[in-house]
């Protein structure tokens, strides 16, 4: 964590005003809260405007209050469907009800939640209006994200019409080697 603190501090010294910790699931890293607490000194000094974290939501019940105490005011969470079965299929591990409970823990701690939803053709496109209504009813911001080419999501849920690039398109016998 010391190396990450030094790296973040170097960027802050160069004028960076906002930090977002992300990558995999940052909240499962050992001693992650020591990094948030350490970085909060830059909020206190005025050198930093904001620290946010992008999470899958699996550890919020455990860390939401501590994140708030360390100066985090916003979190980003990916949620691509409100259908529990589809949610498990897309994420390959998550328990929908647990993630919903984690969102509630974040709200109780005072964290503002921004939801990121990947629009998946043939998977969740019919749900998008319902998801937007739900997010706003819950007081969350929501961003719709276009599916990236060759995304892990499209590989995880099997063949779909999501991507049309040559790497993802089904190959005919004449084009395979």
N, C-alpha and C. Protein backbone atom coordinates (compact mmCIF):
# COMPACT_ATOMS: atom_id res chain seq x y z
N UNK A 1 0.81 -1.19 0.00
CA UNK A 1 0.00 0.00 0.00
C UNK A 1 0.87 1.27 0.00
N UNK A 2 2.05 1.16 0.58
CA UNK A 2 2.94 2.33 0.62
C UNK A 2 3.32 2.79 -0.78
N UNK A 3 3.54 1.83 -1.68
CA UNK A 3 3.92 2.19 -3.05
C UNK A 3 2.76 2.92 -3.75
N UNK A 4 1.54 2.43 -3.54
CA UNK A 4 0.38 3.09 -4.14
C UNK A 4 0.19 4.49 -3.56
N UNK A 5 0.42 4.63 -2.27
CA UNK A 5 0.33 5.94 -1.64
C UNK A 5 1.35 6.89 -2.25
N UNK A 6 2.58 6.43 -2.43
CA UNK A 6 3.62 7.29 -3.02
C UNK A 6 3.27 7.67 -4.45
N UNK A 7 2.76 6.70 -5.23
CA UNK A 7 2.39 6.98 -6.61
C UNK A 7 1.25 8.00 -6.67
N UNK A 8 0.21 7.76 -5.90
CA UNK A 8 -0.92 8.71 -5.87
C UNK A 8 -0.45 10.09 -5.42
N UNK A 9 0.38 10.13 -4.41
CA UNK A 9 0.89 11.41 -3.90
C UNK A 9 1.71 12.14 -4.95
N UNK A 10 2.46 11.41 -5.75
CA UNK A 10 3.24 12.04 -6.83
C UNK A 10 2.30 12.67 -7.86
N UNK A 11 1.22 11.97 -8.21
CA UNK A 11 0.25 12.54 -9.16
C UNK A 11 -0.43 13.77 -8.56
N UNK A 12 -0.75 13.71 -7.29
CA UNK A 12 -1.38 14.85 -6.63
C UNK A 12 -0.43 16.04 -6.62
N UNK A 13 0.84 15.79 -6.38
CA UNK A 13 1.85 16.86 -6.41
C UNK A 13 1.95 17.50 -7.79
N UNK A 14 1.60 16.73 -8.83
CA UNK A 14 1.64 17.24 -10.20
C UNK A 14 0.32 17.89 -10.62
N UNK A 15 -0.64 17.94 -9.71
CA UNK A 15 -1.88 18.66 -10.00
C UNK A 15 -3.14 17.82 -10.14
N UNK A 16 -3.04 16.52 -10.02
CA UNK A 16 -4.25 15.68 -10.08
C UNK A 16 -5.14 16.03 -8.90
N UNK A 17 -6.42 16.26 -9.16
CA UNK A 17 -7.35 16.69 -8.12
C UNK A 17 -8.36 15.62 -7.71
N UNK A 18 -8.46 14.54 -8.52
CA UNK A 18 -9.42 13.47 -8.23
C UNK A 18 -8.73 12.13 -8.42
N UNK A 19 -8.96 11.22 -7.48
CA UNK A 19 -8.42 9.86 -7.58
C UNK A 19 -9.58 8.87 -7.56
N UNK A 20 -9.48 7.84 -8.40
CA UNK A 20 -10.42 6.73 -8.35
C UNK A 20 -9.61 5.46 -8.24
N UNK A 21 -9.83 4.71 -7.19
CA UNK A 21 -9.17 3.43 -7.03
C UNK A 21 -10.07 2.36 -7.62
N UNK A 22 -9.49 1.56 -8.50
CA UNK A 22 -10.24 0.58 -9.26
C UNK A 22 -9.33 -0.59 -9.57
N UNK A 23 -9.77 -1.46 -10.41
CA UNK A 23 -8.94 -2.57 -10.85
C UNK A 23 -9.27 -3.84 -10.13
N UNK A 24 -9.93 -4.74 -10.82
CA UNK A 24 -10.38 -5.95 -10.13
C UNK A 24 -11.37 -5.52 -9.07
N UNK A 25 -11.13 -5.91 -7.87
CA UNK A 25 -11.95 -5.47 -6.73
C UNK A 25 -11.00 -4.92 -5.68
N UNK A 26 -10.83 -3.59 -5.64
CA UNK A 26 -9.86 -3.01 -4.72
C UNK A 26 -10.13 -3.30 -3.25
N UNK A 27 -11.38 -3.49 -2.88
CA UNK A 27 -11.70 -3.66 -1.46
C UNK A 27 -11.33 -5.04 -0.92
N UNK A 28 -10.87 -5.96 -1.76
CA UNK A 28 -10.42 -7.25 -1.24
C UNK A 28 -8.91 -7.25 -0.97
N UNK A 29 -8.23 -6.17 -1.34
CA UNK A 29 -6.78 -6.10 -1.09
C UNK A 29 -6.51 -5.96 0.40
N UNK A 30 -5.52 -6.69 0.85
CA UNK A 30 -5.14 -6.63 2.25
C UNK A 30 -4.74 -5.20 2.62
N UNK A 31 -5.24 -4.71 3.72
CA UNK A 31 -4.92 -3.37 4.25
C UNK A 31 -5.34 -2.22 3.34
N UNK A 32 -6.36 -2.44 2.51
CA UNK A 32 -6.78 -1.38 1.58
C UNK A 32 -7.25 -0.13 2.33
N UNK A 33 -7.86 -0.31 3.48
CA UNK A 33 -8.36 0.86 4.20
C UNK A 33 -7.22 1.73 4.70
N UNK A 34 -6.04 1.16 4.92
CA UNK A 34 -4.91 2.00 5.32
C UNK A 34 -4.53 2.95 4.18
N UNK A 35 -4.70 2.50 2.93
CA UNK A 35 -4.43 3.38 1.80
C UNK A 35 -5.44 4.52 1.75
N UNK A 36 -6.72 4.20 1.89
CA UNK A 36 -7.74 5.26 1.88
C UNK A 36 -7.51 6.26 3.01
N UNK A 37 -7.22 5.74 4.21
CA UNK A 37 -6.98 6.65 5.34
C UNK A 37 -5.75 7.53 5.09
N UNK A 38 -4.72 6.94 4.51
CA UNK A 38 -3.50 7.71 4.23
C UNK A 38 -3.74 8.77 3.16
N UNK A 39 -4.45 8.40 2.12
CA UNK A 39 -4.72 9.36 1.04
C UNK A 39 -5.64 10.49 1.50
N UNK A 40 -6.42 10.25 2.53
CA UNK A 40 -7.35 11.28 2.99
C UNK A 40 -6.62 12.53 3.48
N UNK A 41 -5.33 12.41 3.80
CA UNK A 41 -4.57 13.59 4.22
C UNK A 41 -4.54 14.64 3.11
N UNK A 42 -4.60 14.19 1.86
CA UNK A 42 -4.61 15.13 0.73
C UNK A 42 -5.96 15.84 0.61
N UNK A 43 -7.02 15.18 1.04
CA UNK A 43 -8.33 15.85 1.11
C UNK A 43 -8.30 16.91 2.20
N UNK A 44 -7.76 16.53 3.34
CA UNK A 44 -7.69 17.45 4.48
C UNK A 44 -6.86 18.69 4.16
N UNK A 45 -5.79 18.52 3.39
CA UNK A 45 -4.92 19.65 3.06
C UNK A 45 -5.47 20.51 1.93
N UNK A 46 -6.48 19.99 1.21
CA UNK A 46 -7.03 20.72 0.07
C UNK A 46 -6.31 20.42 -1.24
N UNK A 47 -5.30 19.57 -1.20
CA UNK A 47 -4.57 19.23 -2.43
C UNK A 47 -5.38 18.30 -3.33
N UNK A 48 -6.37 17.62 -2.76
CA UNK A 48 -7.19 16.66 -3.50
C UNK A 48 -8.66 16.99 -3.27
N UNK A 49 -9.44 16.96 -4.34
CA UNK A 49 -10.87 17.25 -4.24
C UNK A 49 -11.70 16.03 -3.91
N UNK A 50 -11.25 14.85 -4.40
CA UNK A 50 -12.13 13.69 -4.29
C UNK A 50 -11.34 12.40 -4.41
N UNK A 51 -11.76 11.41 -3.62
CA UNK A 51 -11.31 10.03 -3.76
C UNK A 51 -12.57 9.19 -3.97
N UNK A 52 -12.58 8.42 -5.04
CA UNK A 52 -13.70 7.51 -5.28
C UNK A 52 -13.14 6.10 -5.46
N UNK A 53 -14.04 5.14 -5.44
CA UNK A 53 -13.64 3.75 -5.64
C UNK A 53 -14.66 3.09 -6.56
N UNK A 54 -14.16 2.29 -7.48
CA UNK A 54 -15.01 1.46 -8.33
C UNK A 54 -14.95 0.05 -7.76
N UNK A 55 -16.12 -0.50 -7.48
CA UNK A 55 -16.20 -1.79 -6.79
C UNK A 55 -17.31 -2.63 -7.39
N UNK A 56 -17.24 -3.93 -7.17
CA UNK A 56 -18.35 -4.78 -7.57
C UNK A 56 -19.41 -4.82 -6.47
N UNK A 57 -19.14 -4.16 -5.37
CA UNK A 57 -20.11 -4.05 -4.28
C UNK A 57 -20.03 -5.16 -3.25
N UNK A 58 -19.16 -6.12 -3.44
CA UNK A 58 -19.16 -7.30 -2.58
C UNK A 58 -18.65 -7.03 -1.17
N UNK A 59 -17.95 -5.92 -0.95
CA UNK A 59 -17.34 -5.67 0.36
C UNK A 59 -17.88 -4.39 1.02
N UNK A 60 -18.93 -3.82 0.48
CA UNK A 60 -19.41 -2.54 1.01
C UNK A 60 -20.00 -2.66 2.41
N UNK A 61 -20.66 -3.76 2.70
CA UNK A 61 -21.23 -3.92 4.04
C UNK A 61 -20.11 -3.82 5.08
N UNK A 62 -18.97 -4.37 4.72
CA UNK A 62 -17.82 -4.39 5.61
C UNK A 62 -17.11 -3.04 5.69
N UNK A 63 -17.05 -2.30 4.57
CA UNK A 63 -16.19 -1.12 4.51
C UNK A 63 -16.89 0.23 4.27
N UNK A 64 -18.18 0.24 4.07
CA UNK A 64 -18.86 1.50 3.70
C UNK A 64 -18.62 2.61 4.72
N UNK A 65 -18.78 2.32 5.98
CA UNK A 65 -18.59 3.36 7.00
C UNK A 65 -17.14 3.83 7.05
N UNK A 66 -16.21 2.90 6.94
CA UNK A 66 -14.79 3.27 6.96
C UNK A 66 -14.42 4.11 5.74
N UNK A 67 -14.98 3.75 4.59
CA UNK A 67 -14.71 4.55 3.38
C UNK A 67 -15.18 5.99 3.60
N UNK A 68 -16.38 6.13 4.12
CA UNK A 68 -16.90 7.47 4.38
C UNK A 68 -16.00 8.22 5.36
N UNK A 69 -15.59 7.55 6.42
CA UNK A 69 -14.72 8.17 7.43
C UNK A 69 -13.37 8.59 6.85
N UNK A 70 -12.93 7.88 5.79
CA UNK A 70 -11.65 8.20 5.14
C UNK A 70 -11.81 9.27 4.05
N UNK A 71 -13.01 9.82 3.91
CA UNK A 71 -13.20 10.91 2.97
C UNK A 71 -13.80 10.53 1.63
N UNK A 72 -14.06 9.25 1.42
CA UNK A 72 -14.71 8.82 0.17
C UNK A 72 -16.18 9.23 0.26
N UNK A 73 -16.66 9.87 -0.78
CA UNK A 73 -18.06 10.30 -0.79
C UNK A 73 -18.85 9.66 -1.92
N UNK A 74 -18.15 9.13 -2.93
CA UNK A 74 -18.81 8.51 -4.08
C UNK A 74 -18.17 7.16 -4.37
N UNK A 75 -19.01 6.22 -4.78
CA UNK A 75 -18.51 4.94 -5.25
C UNK A 75 -19.18 4.61 -6.59
N UNK A 76 -18.49 3.86 -7.40
CA UNK A 76 -19.04 3.37 -8.67
C UNK A 76 -19.21 1.86 -8.54
N UNK A 77 -20.37 1.38 -8.95
CA UNK A 77 -20.66 -0.05 -8.91
C UNK A 77 -21.24 -0.46 -10.25
N UNK A 78 -20.76 -1.58 -10.78
CA UNK A 78 -21.30 -2.11 -12.02
C UNK A 78 -22.48 -3.02 -11.71
N UNK A 79 -23.58 -2.76 -12.40
CA UNK A 79 -24.76 -3.63 -12.29
C UNK A 79 -25.47 -3.58 -13.64
N UNK A 80 -25.53 -4.71 -14.31
CA UNK A 80 -26.01 -4.76 -15.68
C UNK A 80 -27.44 -5.27 -15.82
N UNK A 81 -28.04 -5.70 -14.74
CA UNK A 81 -29.40 -6.20 -14.78
C UNK A 81 -30.00 -6.18 -13.38
N UNK A 82 -31.32 -6.15 -13.33
CA UNK A 82 -32.03 -6.28 -12.05
C UNK A 82 -32.66 -7.66 -11.91
N UNK A 83 -32.38 -8.53 -12.85
CA UNK A 83 -32.87 -9.91 -12.81
C UNK A 83 -31.81 -10.78 -12.11
N UNK A 84 -32.14 -11.36 -10.95
CA UNK A 84 -31.15 -12.12 -10.19
C UNK A 84 -30.47 -13.26 -10.96
N UNK A 85 -31.22 -14.00 -11.77
CA UNK A 85 -30.62 -15.10 -12.53
C UNK A 85 -29.67 -14.58 -13.60
N UNK A 86 -30.12 -13.55 -14.30
CA UNK A 86 -29.27 -12.95 -15.33
C UNK A 86 -28.03 -12.32 -14.71
N UNK A 87 -28.21 -11.71 -13.54
CA UNK A 87 -27.09 -11.09 -12.83
C UNK A 87 -26.00 -12.13 -12.52
N UNK A 88 -26.42 -13.27 -12.03
CA UNK A 88 -25.45 -14.32 -11.71
C UNK A 88 -24.76 -14.83 -12.98
N UNK A 89 -25.50 -14.95 -14.06
CA UNK A 89 -24.93 -15.42 -15.32
C UNK A 89 -23.92 -14.40 -15.87
N UNK A 90 -24.23 -13.13 -15.78
CA UNK A 90 -23.33 -12.09 -16.30
C UNK A 90 -22.08 -11.98 -15.44
N UNK A 91 -22.26 -11.95 -14.12
CA UNK A 91 -21.11 -11.74 -13.23
C UNK A 91 -20.33 -13.03 -12.96
N UNK A 92 -20.94 -14.15 -13.17
CA UNK A 92 -20.36 -15.48 -12.95
C UNK A 92 -20.10 -15.80 -11.49
N UNK A 93 -20.52 -14.97 -10.56
CA UNK A 93 -20.28 -15.27 -9.15
C UNK A 93 -21.25 -14.58 -8.22
N UNK A 94 -21.71 -13.42 -8.58
CA UNK A 94 -22.40 -12.56 -7.63
C UNK A 94 -23.77 -13.07 -7.22
N UNK A 95 -24.10 -12.76 -5.99
CA UNK A 95 -25.41 -13.00 -5.43
C UNK A 95 -26.14 -11.65 -5.48
N UNK A 96 -27.16 -11.56 -6.31
CA UNK A 96 -27.88 -10.31 -6.53
C UNK A 96 -28.38 -9.70 -5.22
N UNK A 97 -28.99 -10.52 -4.37
CA UNK A 97 -29.54 -10.00 -3.11
C UNK A 97 -28.43 -9.44 -2.22
N UNK A 98 -27.27 -10.07 -2.23
CA UNK A 98 -26.14 -9.58 -1.44
C UNK A 98 -25.68 -8.22 -1.96
N UNK A 99 -25.60 -8.08 -3.28
CA UNK A 99 -25.17 -6.79 -3.84
C UNK A 99 -26.20 -5.71 -3.52
N UNK A 100 -27.48 -6.04 -3.55
CA UNK A 100 -28.51 -5.05 -3.19
C UNK A 100 -28.35 -4.64 -1.72
N UNK A 101 -28.05 -5.60 -0.85
CA UNK A 101 -27.82 -5.28 0.57
C UNK A 101 -26.57 -4.41 0.71
N UNK A 102 -25.56 -4.67 -0.09
CA UNK A 102 -24.33 -3.87 -0.06
C UNK A 102 -24.62 -2.43 -0.51
N UNK A 103 -25.49 -2.27 -1.51
CA UNK A 103 -25.89 -0.92 -1.93
C UNK A 103 -26.59 -0.18 -0.79
N UNK A 104 -27.44 -0.89 -0.08
CA UNK A 104 -28.11 -0.27 1.07
C UNK A 104 -27.11 0.16 2.13
N UNK A 105 -26.09 -0.66 2.37
CA UNK A 105 -25.05 -0.31 3.35
C UNK A 105 -24.32 0.95 2.92
N UNK A 106 -24.05 1.07 1.63
CA UNK A 106 -23.38 2.28 1.12
C UNK A 106 -24.26 3.51 1.34
N UNK A 107 -25.54 3.39 1.06
CA UNK A 107 -26.46 4.52 1.28
C UNK A 107 -26.52 4.90 2.75
N UNK A 108 -26.61 3.91 3.62
CA UNK A 108 -26.68 4.18 5.07
C UNK A 108 -25.42 4.89 5.55
N UNK A 109 -24.29 4.58 4.94
CA UNK A 109 -23.02 5.21 5.34
C UNK A 109 -22.90 6.63 4.79
N UNK A 110 -23.79 7.01 3.87
CA UNK A 110 -23.74 8.35 3.30
C UNK A 110 -22.99 8.43 1.99
N UNK A 111 -22.65 7.29 1.41
CA UNK A 111 -21.93 7.28 0.14
C UNK A 111 -22.91 7.49 -1.02
N UNK A 112 -22.53 8.37 -1.93
CA UNK A 112 -23.30 8.56 -3.16
C UNK A 112 -22.91 7.43 -4.10
N UNK A 113 -23.91 6.79 -4.71
CA UNK A 113 -23.66 5.64 -5.57
C UNK A 113 -23.89 6.01 -7.03
N UNK A 114 -22.90 5.70 -7.85
CA UNK A 114 -23.06 5.81 -9.30
C UNK A 114 -23.01 4.40 -9.86
N UNK A 115 -24.06 4.02 -10.56
CA UNK A 115 -24.13 2.70 -11.16
C UNK A 115 -23.65 2.77 -12.60
N UNK A 116 -22.86 1.79 -12.99
CA UNK A 116 -22.43 1.65 -14.38
C UNK A 116 -23.11 0.40 -14.92
N UNK A 117 -23.81 0.54 -16.03
CA UNK A 117 -24.48 -0.60 -16.65
C UNK A 117 -24.00 -0.72 -18.08
N UNK A 118 -23.55 -1.90 -18.44
CA UNK A 118 -23.15 -2.17 -19.81
C UNK A 118 -24.40 -2.59 -20.57
N UNK A 119 -24.70 -1.89 -21.65
CA UNK A 119 -25.85 -2.23 -22.49
C UNK A 119 -25.47 -3.44 -23.34
N UNK A 120 -26.15 -4.56 -23.10
CA UNK A 120 -25.83 -5.82 -23.76
C UNK A 120 -26.96 -6.22 -24.69
N UNK A 121 -26.73 -6.09 -25.98
CA UNK A 121 -27.76 -6.43 -26.96
C UNK A 121 -28.18 -7.89 -26.80
N UNK A 122 -29.47 -8.08 -26.71
CA UNK A 122 -30.00 -9.42 -26.56
C UNK A 122 -29.93 -9.96 -25.14
N UNK A 123 -29.38 -9.19 -24.22
CA UNK A 123 -29.23 -9.65 -22.83
C UNK A 123 -30.05 -8.78 -21.88
N UNK A 124 -29.78 -7.46 -21.89
CA UNK A 124 -30.46 -6.58 -20.94
C UNK A 124 -31.07 -5.34 -21.58
N UNK A 125 -31.07 -5.27 -22.90
CA UNK A 125 -31.52 -4.05 -23.55
C UNK A 125 -32.98 -3.69 -23.22
N UNK A 126 -33.81 -4.69 -22.99
CA UNK A 126 -35.21 -4.42 -22.66
C UNK A 126 -35.36 -3.88 -21.23
N UNK A 127 -34.37 -4.11 -20.40
CA UNK A 127 -34.42 -3.69 -18.99
C UNK A 127 -33.93 -2.27 -18.76
N UNK A 128 -33.25 -1.68 -19.71
CA UNK A 128 -32.58 -0.40 -19.49
C UNK A 128 -33.53 0.66 -18.93
N UNK A 129 -34.70 0.89 -19.53
CA UNK A 129 -35.59 1.92 -18.93
C UNK A 129 -35.96 1.61 -17.48
N UNK A 130 -36.25 0.34 -17.18
CA UNK A 130 -36.60 -0.06 -15.81
C UNK A 130 -35.41 0.17 -14.87
N UNK A 131 -34.20 -0.11 -15.34
CA UNK A 131 -33.02 0.08 -14.51
C UNK A 131 -32.80 1.56 -14.22
N UNK A 132 -33.00 2.41 -15.21
CA UNK A 132 -32.83 3.85 -15.02
C UNK A 132 -33.85 4.36 -14.00
N UNK A 133 -35.11 3.93 -14.16
CA UNK A 133 -36.15 4.34 -13.20
C UNK A 133 -35.80 3.89 -11.79
N UNK A 134 -35.35 2.63 -11.64
CA UNK A 134 -34.98 2.10 -10.33
C UNK A 134 -33.82 2.90 -9.74
N UNK A 135 -32.79 3.15 -10.54
CA UNK A 135 -31.62 3.88 -10.05
C UNK A 135 -32.02 5.26 -9.53
N UNK A 136 -32.82 5.95 -10.28
CA UNK A 136 -33.22 7.30 -9.86
C UNK A 136 -34.16 7.26 -8.65
N UNK A 137 -35.02 6.27 -8.60
CA UNK A 137 -35.90 6.11 -7.43
C UNK A 137 -35.07 5.87 -6.16
N UNK A 138 -33.96 5.14 -6.31
CA UNK A 138 -33.07 4.84 -5.19
C UNK A 138 -32.10 5.99 -4.87
N UNK A 139 -32.08 7.01 -5.73
CA UNK A 139 -31.19 8.13 -5.50
C UNK A 139 -29.79 7.93 -6.06
N UNK A 140 -29.63 6.96 -6.97
CA UNK A 140 -28.33 6.67 -7.57
C UNK A 140 -28.22 7.34 -8.94
N UNK A 141 -27.02 7.75 -9.29
CA UNK A 141 -26.74 8.15 -10.67
C UNK A 141 -26.50 6.88 -11.46
N UNK A 142 -26.70 6.95 -12.78
CA UNK A 142 -26.48 5.77 -13.60
C UNK A 142 -25.88 6.18 -14.92
N UNK A 143 -24.88 5.43 -15.35
CA UNK A 143 -24.24 5.63 -16.64
C UNK A 143 -24.38 4.36 -17.46
N UNK A 144 -24.83 4.51 -18.69
CA UNK A 144 -24.90 3.38 -19.61
C UNK A 144 -23.60 3.34 -20.40
N UNK A 145 -23.03 2.17 -20.48
CA UNK A 145 -21.75 2.00 -21.14
C UNK A 145 -21.94 1.10 -22.35
N UNK A 146 -21.38 1.52 -23.47
CA UNK A 146 -21.42 0.70 -24.67
C UNK A 146 -20.51 -0.51 -24.46
N UNK A 147 -20.93 -1.65 -24.97
CA UNK A 147 -20.14 -2.86 -24.82
C UNK A 147 -18.81 -2.72 -25.55
N UNK A 148 -17.71 -2.91 -24.85
CA UNK A 148 -16.42 -2.88 -25.52
C UNK A 148 -16.22 -4.14 -26.36
N UNK A 149 -15.50 -4.00 -27.42
CA UNK A 149 -15.19 -5.13 -28.27
C UNK A 149 -14.43 -6.18 -27.47
N UNK A 150 -14.77 -7.42 -27.68
CA UNK A 150 -14.08 -8.55 -27.05
C UNK A 150 -14.13 -8.49 -25.53
N UNK A 151 -15.19 -7.95 -24.96
CA UNK A 151 -15.26 -7.79 -23.52
C UNK A 151 -15.37 -9.11 -22.79
N UNK A 152 -14.94 -9.12 -21.56
CA UNK A 152 -15.05 -10.31 -20.73
C UNK A 152 -16.51 -10.69 -20.53
N UNK A 153 -17.39 -9.69 -20.55
CA UNK A 153 -18.81 -9.99 -20.37
C UNK A 153 -19.31 -10.85 -21.51
N UNK A 154 -18.99 -10.46 -22.74
CA UNK A 154 -19.51 -11.23 -23.87
C UNK A 154 -18.91 -12.63 -23.87
N UNK A 155 -17.67 -12.78 -23.44
CA UNK A 155 -17.08 -14.12 -23.36
C UNK A 155 -17.72 -14.92 -22.23
N UNK A 156 -18.07 -14.25 -21.15
CA UNK A 156 -18.61 -14.96 -19.99
C UNK A 156 -20.00 -15.50 -20.24
N UNK A 157 -20.80 -14.80 -21.01
CA UNK A 157 -22.18 -15.23 -21.19
C UNK A 157 -22.39 -15.99 -22.48
N UNK A 158 -21.33 -16.21 -23.23
CA UNK A 158 -21.42 -17.02 -24.43
C UNK A 158 -21.67 -16.20 -25.68
N UNK A 159 -21.83 -16.89 -26.81
CA UNK A 159 -21.98 -16.19 -28.09
C UNK A 159 -23.24 -15.33 -28.10
N UNK A 160 -23.06 -14.10 -28.51
CA UNK A 160 -24.19 -13.18 -28.67
C UNK A 160 -23.90 -12.34 -29.90
N UNK A 161 -24.76 -11.42 -30.17
CA UNK A 161 -24.52 -10.52 -31.31
C UNK A 161 -23.91 -9.21 -30.84
N UNK A 162 -23.26 -9.23 -29.67
CA UNK A 162 -22.71 -8.01 -29.09
C UNK A 162 -21.61 -7.41 -29.97
N UNK A 163 -20.64 -8.23 -30.33
CA UNK A 163 -19.48 -7.71 -31.05
C UNK A 163 -19.42 -8.28 -32.45
N UNK A 164 -19.05 -7.44 -33.38
CA UNK A 164 -18.99 -7.86 -34.77
C UNK A 164 -17.58 -7.77 -35.35
N UNK A 165 -16.59 -7.60 -34.50
CA UNK A 165 -15.23 -7.49 -35.01
C UNK A 165 -14.72 -8.86 -35.49
N UNK A 166 -13.70 -8.90 -36.32
CA UNK A 166 -13.20 -10.17 -36.84
C UNK A 166 -12.74 -11.15 -35.76
N UNK A 167 -12.24 -10.62 -34.62
CA UNK A 167 -11.79 -11.51 -33.55
C UNK A 167 -12.94 -12.22 -32.87
N UNK A 168 -14.11 -11.58 -32.84
CA UNK A 168 -15.24 -12.15 -32.11
C UNK A 168 -16.24 -12.86 -33.00
N UNK A 169 -16.26 -12.53 -34.26
CA UNK A 169 -17.24 -13.12 -35.19
C UNK A 169 -17.03 -14.63 -35.29
N UNK A 170 -18.12 -15.36 -35.39
CA UNK A 170 -17.96 -16.81 -35.56
C UNK A 170 -17.17 -17.10 -36.84
N UNK A 171 -16.28 -18.06 -36.76
CA UNK A 171 -15.44 -18.38 -37.91
C UNK A 171 -16.04 -19.55 -38.69
N UNK A 172 -16.02 -19.41 -39.98
CA UNK A 172 -16.48 -20.51 -40.82
C UNK A 172 -15.33 -21.50 -40.96
N UNK A 173 -15.61 -22.76 -41.32
CA UNK A 173 -14.54 -23.75 -41.46
C UNK A 173 -13.44 -23.31 -42.42
N UNK A 174 -13.77 -22.51 -43.41
CA UNK A 174 -12.76 -22.10 -44.38
C UNK A 174 -11.80 -21.05 -43.83
N UNK A 175 -12.20 -20.38 -42.73
CA UNK A 175 -11.32 -19.34 -42.18
C UNK A 175 -10.55 -19.80 -40.97
N UNK A 176 -10.83 -20.98 -40.46
CA UNK A 176 -10.06 -21.47 -39.31
C UNK A 176 -8.85 -22.26 -39.77
N UNK A 177 -7.84 -22.33 -38.95
CA UNK A 177 -6.63 -23.06 -39.35
C UNK A 177 -6.37 -24.20 -38.42
